[in-house]
N, C-alpha and C. Protein backbone atom coordinates (compact mmCIF):
# COMPACT_ATOMS: atom_id res chain seq x y z
N UNK A 1 129.03 32.53 152.97
CA UNK A 1 129.86 31.66 153.14
C UNK A 1 129.18 30.30 152.81
N UNK A 2 129.70 29.36 152.02
CA UNK A 2 129.09 28.24 151.76
C UNK A 2 130.07 26.99 152.11
N UNK A 3 129.48 25.93 152.73
CA UNK A 3 130.34 24.69 153.22
C UNK A 3 129.85 23.49 152.57
N UNK A 4 130.80 22.75 151.98
CA UNK A 4 130.40 21.51 151.32
C UNK A 4 131.38 20.51 152.05
N UNK A 5 130.70 19.35 152.49
CA UNK A 5 131.38 18.45 153.06
C UNK A 5 131.59 17.27 152.22
N UNK A 6 132.80 16.72 152.39
CA UNK A 6 133.23 15.46 151.44
C UNK A 6 133.58 14.44 152.47
N UNK A 7 132.64 13.44 152.69
CA UNK A 7 132.93 12.40 153.81
C UNK A 7 134.13 11.65 153.41
N UNK A 8 134.21 11.08 152.10
CA UNK A 8 135.31 10.35 151.69
C UNK A 8 135.45 10.70 150.12
N UNK A 9 136.53 10.02 149.50
CA UNK A 9 136.81 10.16 148.11
C UNK A 9 135.50 9.69 147.39
N UNK A 10 134.80 8.87 147.62
CA UNK A 10 133.58 8.49 146.98
C UNK A 10 132.62 9.53 146.88
N UNK A 11 132.63 10.58 147.68
CA UNK A 11 131.62 11.67 147.66
C UNK A 11 132.15 12.76 146.93
N UNK A 12 133.37 12.72 146.29
CA UNK A 12 133.90 13.96 145.67
C UNK A 12 133.08 14.36 144.40
N UNK A 13 132.52 13.41 143.66
CA UNK A 13 131.83 13.94 142.44
C UNK A 13 130.57 14.83 142.91
N UNK A 14 129.94 14.24 143.96
CA UNK A 14 128.80 15.07 144.54
C UNK A 14 129.16 16.40 144.99
N UNK A 15 130.29 16.51 145.64
CA UNK A 15 130.74 17.73 146.24
C UNK A 15 131.04 18.58 145.13
N UNK A 16 131.79 18.11 143.94
CA UNK A 16 132.13 18.92 142.85
C UNK A 16 130.87 19.49 142.19
N UNK A 17 129.76 18.64 142.10
CA UNK A 17 128.51 19.27 141.54
C UNK A 17 128.01 20.31 142.35
N UNK A 18 128.07 20.27 143.67
CA UNK A 18 127.71 21.36 144.52
C UNK A 18 128.44 22.62 144.34
N UNK A 19 129.80 22.44 144.20
CA UNK A 19 130.63 23.51 143.86
C UNK A 19 130.30 24.20 142.61
N UNK A 20 130.05 23.43 141.57
CA UNK A 20 129.72 23.94 140.29
C UNK A 20 128.31 24.65 140.20
N UNK A 21 127.51 24.36 141.02
CA UNK A 21 126.23 24.90 141.15
C UNK A 21 126.39 26.31 141.85
N UNK A 22 127.50 26.60 142.52
CA UNK A 22 127.72 27.88 143.19
C UNK A 22 128.66 28.71 142.35
N UNK A 23 129.10 28.43 141.13
CA UNK A 23 130.02 29.11 140.42
C UNK A 23 129.30 30.47 139.94
N UNK A 24 128.15 30.36 139.52
CA UNK A 24 127.44 31.61 139.06
C UNK A 24 128.25 32.50 138.04
N UNK A 25 128.32 33.69 138.40
CA UNK A 25 129.17 34.64 137.41
C UNK A 25 130.54 34.68 137.85
N UNK A 26 130.92 34.14 139.06
CA UNK A 26 132.19 34.08 139.56
C UNK A 26 133.25 33.32 138.50
N UNK A 27 134.40 33.83 138.43
CA UNK A 27 135.38 33.25 137.56
C UNK A 27 136.62 32.96 138.06
N UNK A 28 137.05 33.50 139.22
CA UNK A 28 138.42 33.34 139.62
C UNK A 28 138.17 32.73 141.09
N UNK A 29 138.77 31.56 141.16
CA UNK A 29 138.75 31.00 142.64
C UNK A 29 140.18 30.54 142.96
N UNK A 30 140.49 30.95 144.34
CA UNK A 30 141.77 30.66 144.88
C UNK A 30 141.61 29.63 145.96
N UNK A 31 142.23 28.48 145.73
CA UNK A 31 142.17 27.24 146.45
C UNK A 31 143.19 27.32 147.56
N UNK A 32 142.97 27.30 148.82
CA UNK A 32 143.79 27.38 150.00
C UNK A 32 143.70 26.01 150.68
N UNK A 33 144.84 25.56 151.26
CA UNK A 33 144.75 24.24 151.94
C UNK A 33 146.16 23.75 152.22
N UNK A 34 146.29 22.94 153.20
CA UNK A 34 147.62 22.37 153.37
C UNK A 34 148.02 21.37 152.30
N UNK A 35 149.27 21.12 152.35
CA UNK A 35 149.84 20.23 151.30
C UNK A 35 149.07 18.89 151.63
N UNK A 36 148.50 18.22 150.62
CA UNK A 36 147.89 17.06 150.79
C UNK A 36 146.33 17.16 151.25
N UNK A 37 145.85 18.35 151.27
CA UNK A 37 144.46 18.65 151.68
C UNK A 37 143.51 18.12 150.42
N UNK A 38 143.97 18.11 149.29
CA UNK A 38 143.14 17.45 148.23
C UNK A 38 142.74 18.68 147.24
N UNK A 39 143.35 19.71 147.07
CA UNK A 39 143.15 20.78 146.27
C UNK A 39 143.14 20.31 144.76
N UNK A 40 144.32 19.59 144.29
CA UNK A 40 144.12 19.22 142.92
C UNK A 40 143.21 18.16 142.67
N UNK A 41 142.86 17.23 143.61
CA UNK A 41 141.83 16.24 143.49
C UNK A 41 140.49 16.79 143.39
N UNK A 42 140.25 17.82 144.17
CA UNK A 42 138.97 18.54 144.14
C UNK A 42 138.83 19.39 142.65
N UNK A 43 139.87 19.99 142.34
CA UNK A 43 139.75 20.80 141.22
C UNK A 43 139.56 19.70 139.93
N UNK A 44 140.30 18.57 139.99
CA UNK A 44 140.00 17.52 138.92
C UNK A 44 138.52 17.09 138.91
N UNK A 45 137.85 16.87 140.04
CA UNK A 45 136.60 16.55 140.05
C UNK A 45 135.63 17.71 139.55
N UNK A 46 136.01 18.92 139.87
CA UNK A 46 135.26 20.15 139.48
C UNK A 46 135.40 20.13 137.80
N UNK A 47 136.56 19.89 137.28
CA UNK A 47 136.75 20.03 135.82
C UNK A 47 135.94 18.90 135.15
N UNK A 48 135.84 17.70 135.76
CA UNK A 48 135.13 16.59 135.07
C UNK A 48 133.62 17.00 135.08
N UNK A 49 133.11 17.40 136.16
CA UNK A 49 131.68 17.96 136.34
C UNK A 49 131.50 19.10 135.12
N UNK A 50 132.42 19.85 134.84
CA UNK A 50 132.31 20.98 133.75
C UNK A 50 132.50 20.24 132.34
N UNK A 51 132.71 18.92 132.20
CA UNK A 51 132.81 18.34 131.02
C UNK A 51 134.21 18.37 130.24
N UNK A 52 135.31 18.48 131.20
CA UNK A 52 136.56 18.49 130.75
C UNK A 52 136.94 16.90 130.24
N UNK A 53 137.44 16.78 128.98
CA UNK A 53 137.68 15.46 128.66
C UNK A 53 139.22 15.07 128.75
N UNK A 54 140.07 16.09 128.69
CA UNK A 54 141.45 15.95 128.86
C UNK A 54 141.85 15.51 130.28
N UNK A 55 142.96 14.90 130.40
CA UNK A 55 143.53 14.67 131.81
C UNK A 55 143.80 15.82 132.62
N UNK A 56 143.23 15.89 133.84
CA UNK A 56 143.49 17.08 134.55
C UNK A 56 144.63 16.59 135.54
N UNK A 57 145.54 17.51 135.52
CA UNK A 57 146.81 17.18 136.21
C UNK A 57 147.31 18.47 136.88
N UNK A 58 148.23 18.32 138.10
CA UNK A 58 148.66 19.45 138.60
C UNK A 58 149.66 20.25 137.80
N UNK A 59 149.46 21.53 137.74
CA UNK A 59 150.45 22.25 136.75
C UNK A 59 151.55 22.77 137.66
N UNK A 60 152.11 21.87 138.54
CA UNK A 60 153.19 22.27 139.45
C UNK A 60 154.47 22.84 138.69
N UNK A 61 154.73 22.19 137.58
CA UNK A 61 155.90 22.52 136.81
C UNK A 61 155.73 23.59 135.74
N UNK A 62 154.47 23.35 135.12
CA UNK A 62 154.09 24.27 134.11
C UNK A 62 153.56 25.56 134.42
N UNK A 63 153.07 25.66 135.77
CA UNK A 63 152.42 26.71 136.47
C UNK A 63 150.94 26.98 135.98
N UNK A 64 150.73 26.74 134.67
CA UNK A 64 149.28 26.79 134.31
C UNK A 64 148.88 25.78 133.25
N UNK A 65 147.75 25.02 133.35
CA UNK A 65 147.25 24.10 132.29
C UNK A 65 145.98 24.69 131.93
N UNK A 66 145.75 24.44 130.55
CA UNK A 66 144.54 24.94 130.00
C UNK A 66 143.64 23.72 129.55
N UNK A 67 142.30 23.75 130.04
CA UNK A 67 141.43 22.63 129.47
C UNK A 67 140.37 23.21 128.76
N UNK A 68 139.71 22.61 128.05
CA UNK A 68 138.39 22.83 127.41
C UNK A 68 137.32 22.27 128.17
N UNK A 69 136.28 23.12 128.39
CA UNK A 69 135.03 22.61 128.99
C UNK A 69 133.81 22.93 128.42
N UNK A 70 132.72 22.45 128.91
CA UNK A 70 131.45 22.80 128.42
C UNK A 70 131.13 24.47 128.60
N UNK A 71 131.88 25.03 129.55
CA UNK A 71 131.57 26.41 129.56
C UNK A 71 132.82 27.45 129.20
N UNK A 72 133.55 26.77 128.24
CA UNK A 72 134.82 27.37 127.69
C UNK A 72 136.17 26.97 128.26
N UNK A 73 137.06 27.75 128.12
CA UNK A 73 138.43 27.48 128.80
C UNK A 73 138.40 27.53 130.18
N UNK A 74 139.26 26.61 130.86
CA UNK A 74 139.42 26.62 132.16
C UNK A 74 140.96 26.76 132.40
N UNK A 75 141.46 27.59 133.27
CA UNK A 75 142.98 27.76 133.46
C UNK A 75 143.09 27.27 134.84
N UNK A 76 144.00 26.33 135.13
CA UNK A 76 144.34 25.67 136.40
C UNK A 76 145.73 25.99 136.72
N UNK A 77 145.90 26.81 137.64
CA UNK A 77 147.35 27.43 137.98
C UNK A 77 147.75 26.59 139.49
N UNK A 78 149.03 26.47 139.50
CA UNK A 78 149.65 25.97 140.74
C UNK A 78 150.85 26.98 140.87
N UNK A 79 150.81 27.73 141.97
CA UNK A 79 151.79 28.73 142.07
C UNK A 79 152.85 28.32 143.25
N UNK A 80 152.80 26.98 143.63
CA UNK A 80 153.79 26.39 144.64
C UNK A 80 155.18 26.79 144.41
N UNK A 81 155.74 26.57 143.13
CA UNK A 81 157.08 26.88 142.86
C UNK A 81 157.35 28.27 142.38
N UNK A 82 156.61 29.22 142.58
CA UNK A 82 156.75 30.51 142.12
C UNK A 82 157.84 31.22 143.09
N UNK A 83 158.81 31.86 142.62
CA UNK A 83 159.80 32.46 143.41
C UNK A 83 159.61 33.84 143.66
N UNK A 84 158.86 34.60 142.66
CA UNK A 84 158.68 36.00 142.74
C UNK A 84 157.41 36.39 141.76
N UNK A 85 156.89 37.58 142.10
CA UNK A 85 155.68 37.96 141.29
C UNK A 85 156.12 38.27 139.89
N UNK A 86 157.33 38.51 139.56
CA UNK A 86 157.81 38.77 138.17
C UNK A 86 157.51 37.57 137.30
N UNK A 87 157.65 36.32 137.81
CA UNK A 87 157.44 35.19 137.07
C UNK A 87 156.04 35.04 136.62
N UNK A 88 155.18 35.44 137.60
CA UNK A 88 153.62 35.45 137.46
C UNK A 88 153.24 36.37 136.28
N UNK A 89 153.85 37.51 136.45
CA UNK A 89 153.57 38.59 135.53
C UNK A 89 154.06 38.28 134.10
N UNK A 90 155.14 37.58 134.09
CA UNK A 90 155.80 37.24 132.72
C UNK A 90 155.00 36.27 132.00
N UNK A 91 154.18 35.31 132.77
CA UNK A 91 153.40 34.39 132.13
C UNK A 91 152.07 34.99 131.60
N UNK A 92 151.86 36.14 131.90
CA UNK A 92 150.66 36.83 131.46
C UNK A 92 149.47 36.61 132.36
N UNK A 93 149.68 36.53 133.66
CA UNK A 93 148.72 36.14 134.71
C UNK A 93 147.45 36.99 134.58
N UNK A 94 147.65 38.41 134.37
CA UNK A 94 146.36 39.26 134.26
C UNK A 94 145.63 38.85 133.13
N UNK A 95 146.13 38.54 132.04
CA UNK A 95 145.39 38.20 130.84
C UNK A 95 144.55 36.95 131.17
N UNK A 96 145.02 35.96 131.90
CA UNK A 96 144.17 34.87 132.25
C UNK A 96 143.13 35.28 133.31
N UNK A 97 143.63 35.97 134.33
CA UNK A 97 142.63 36.38 135.43
C UNK A 97 141.52 37.16 135.04
N UNK A 98 141.62 38.00 134.14
CA UNK A 98 140.63 39.01 133.55
C UNK A 98 140.01 38.60 132.23
N UNK A 99 140.20 37.38 131.82
CA UNK A 99 139.78 36.79 130.55
C UNK A 99 138.24 36.54 130.59
N UNK A 100 137.66 36.37 131.65
CA UNK A 100 136.33 35.99 131.78
C UNK A 100 136.06 34.42 131.80
N UNK A 101 137.23 33.71 131.66
CA UNK A 101 137.31 32.34 131.70
C UNK A 101 137.40 31.79 133.15
N UNK A 102 137.21 30.55 133.39
CA UNK A 102 137.23 30.04 134.75
C UNK A 102 138.65 29.97 135.03
N UNK A 103 139.14 30.36 136.16
CA UNK A 103 140.54 30.23 136.77
C UNK A 103 140.48 29.62 138.07
N UNK A 104 141.18 28.49 138.28
CA UNK A 104 141.19 27.71 139.50
C UNK A 104 142.72 27.68 139.88
N UNK A 105 143.00 28.27 140.98
CA UNK A 105 144.40 28.53 141.52
C UNK A 105 144.71 27.79 142.73
N UNK A 106 145.81 27.04 142.58
CA UNK A 106 146.34 26.44 143.95
C UNK A 106 147.54 27.27 144.29
N UNK A 107 147.67 27.32 145.62
CA UNK A 107 148.79 28.06 146.32
C UNK A 107 148.68 29.54 145.98
N UNK A 108 147.45 30.11 145.99
CA UNK A 108 147.26 31.66 145.77
C UNK A 108 147.98 32.56 146.72
N UNK A 109 148.28 32.01 147.99
CA UNK A 109 148.88 32.78 148.98
C UNK A 109 150.19 33.48 148.58
N UNK A 110 150.77 32.71 147.66
CA UNK A 110 151.98 33.38 147.01
C UNK A 110 151.90 34.46 146.13
N UNK A 111 150.67 34.81 145.64
CA UNK A 111 150.42 35.93 144.62
C UNK A 111 149.18 36.82 145.03
N UNK A 112 148.79 36.79 146.33
CA UNK A 112 147.63 37.46 146.84
C UNK A 112 147.53 38.81 146.20
N UNK A 113 148.58 39.48 146.15
CA UNK A 113 148.51 40.91 145.84
C UNK A 113 148.07 41.06 144.30
N UNK A 114 148.14 40.07 143.43
CA UNK A 114 147.91 40.08 142.16
C UNK A 114 146.33 39.57 141.91
N UNK A 115 145.74 39.08 142.85
CA UNK A 115 144.41 38.43 142.62
C UNK A 115 143.30 39.59 142.42
N UNK A 116 142.36 39.18 141.53
CA UNK A 116 141.32 40.18 141.38
C UNK A 116 140.51 40.45 142.54
N UNK A 117 139.89 41.58 142.68
CA UNK A 117 139.06 41.91 143.87
C UNK A 117 138.06 40.96 144.15
N UNK A 118 137.39 40.44 143.18
CA UNK A 118 136.21 39.49 143.25
C UNK A 118 136.54 38.00 143.28
N UNK A 119 137.75 37.67 143.58
CA UNK A 119 138.29 36.30 143.75
C UNK A 119 137.41 35.71 144.86
N UNK A 120 137.09 34.44 144.52
CA UNK A 120 136.31 33.52 145.55
C UNK A 120 137.45 32.81 146.28
N UNK A 121 137.54 32.87 147.47
CA UNK A 121 138.46 32.07 148.33
C UNK A 121 137.70 30.77 148.68
N UNK A 122 138.55 29.71 148.45
CA UNK A 122 138.04 28.33 148.65
C UNK A 122 139.09 27.60 149.63
N UNK A 123 138.63 27.35 150.82
CA UNK A 123 139.45 26.74 151.86
C UNK A 123 139.20 25.33 151.84
N UNK A 124 140.08 24.26 151.72
CA UNK A 124 139.99 22.86 151.88
C UNK A 124 140.70 22.41 152.98
N UNK A 125 140.04 21.67 153.92
CA UNK A 125 140.70 21.30 155.10
C UNK A 125 140.24 19.78 155.40
N UNK A 126 141.16 19.14 156.05
CA UNK A 126 140.87 17.82 156.31
C UNK A 126 139.87 17.77 157.73
N UNK A 127 139.11 16.70 157.78
CA UNK A 127 138.26 16.70 159.01
C UNK A 127 138.56 15.38 159.59
N UNK A 128 138.34 15.09 160.85
CA UNK A 128 138.49 13.80 161.54
C UNK A 128 137.83 12.76 160.85
N UNK A 129 138.51 11.59 160.70
CA UNK A 129 137.87 10.33 159.90
C UNK A 129 138.35 10.40 158.45
N UNK A 130 139.03 11.47 157.95
CA UNK A 130 139.57 11.44 156.67
C UNK A 130 138.71 12.16 155.53
N UNK A 131 137.63 12.86 156.07
CA UNK A 131 136.92 13.67 155.06
C UNK A 131 137.51 14.92 154.86
N UNK A 132 136.82 15.77 154.03
CA UNK A 132 137.33 17.20 153.86
C UNK A 132 136.12 18.17 153.76
N UNK A 133 136.41 19.40 154.08
CA UNK A 133 135.47 20.39 154.24
C UNK A 133 136.02 21.32 153.19
N UNK A 134 135.07 21.89 152.27
CA UNK A 134 135.36 22.86 151.23
C UNK A 134 134.45 24.13 151.72
N UNK A 135 135.15 25.17 151.95
CA UNK A 135 134.41 26.45 152.34
C UNK A 135 134.60 27.52 151.31
N UNK A 136 133.58 27.89 150.63
CA UNK A 136 133.73 28.97 149.63
C UNK A 136 133.37 30.32 150.29
N UNK A 137 134.08 31.36 150.16
CA UNK A 137 133.88 32.57 150.68
C UNK A 137 133.70 33.53 149.38
N UNK A 138 132.45 33.60 148.95
CA UNK A 138 132.06 34.47 147.90
C UNK A 138 131.87 35.93 148.22
N UNK A 139 132.65 36.78 147.58
CA UNK A 139 132.55 38.17 147.94
C UNK A 139 131.20 38.79 147.54
């Protein structure tokens, strides 16, 4: 388990660099956290560290956004509005998840049974004083 502390929004770029340093061969990351915990904000900072030039936005309505980075395609999912697993299968989730490209997923608790075995769980939680803690549970 790896813990990254973000004292304030000013420290998010450094925290994202620490996260990127931990990616290694892992490709599928499931981001857990309460509404407003900062999942999208942190994923945006990670994408910036990976060289994404496009605007990184929440794919709440599109379900998945694709970005080009220094390490290839990045797929950013938001499953918040998913009603059933059939919707996820219809969009070709397995093709994305097993593509070898980086997959960053928000609200994965709604599709946990479809997640690859080697998925890295990332928990983002608020700390007293307005900071955040990012905990990576690498299998």
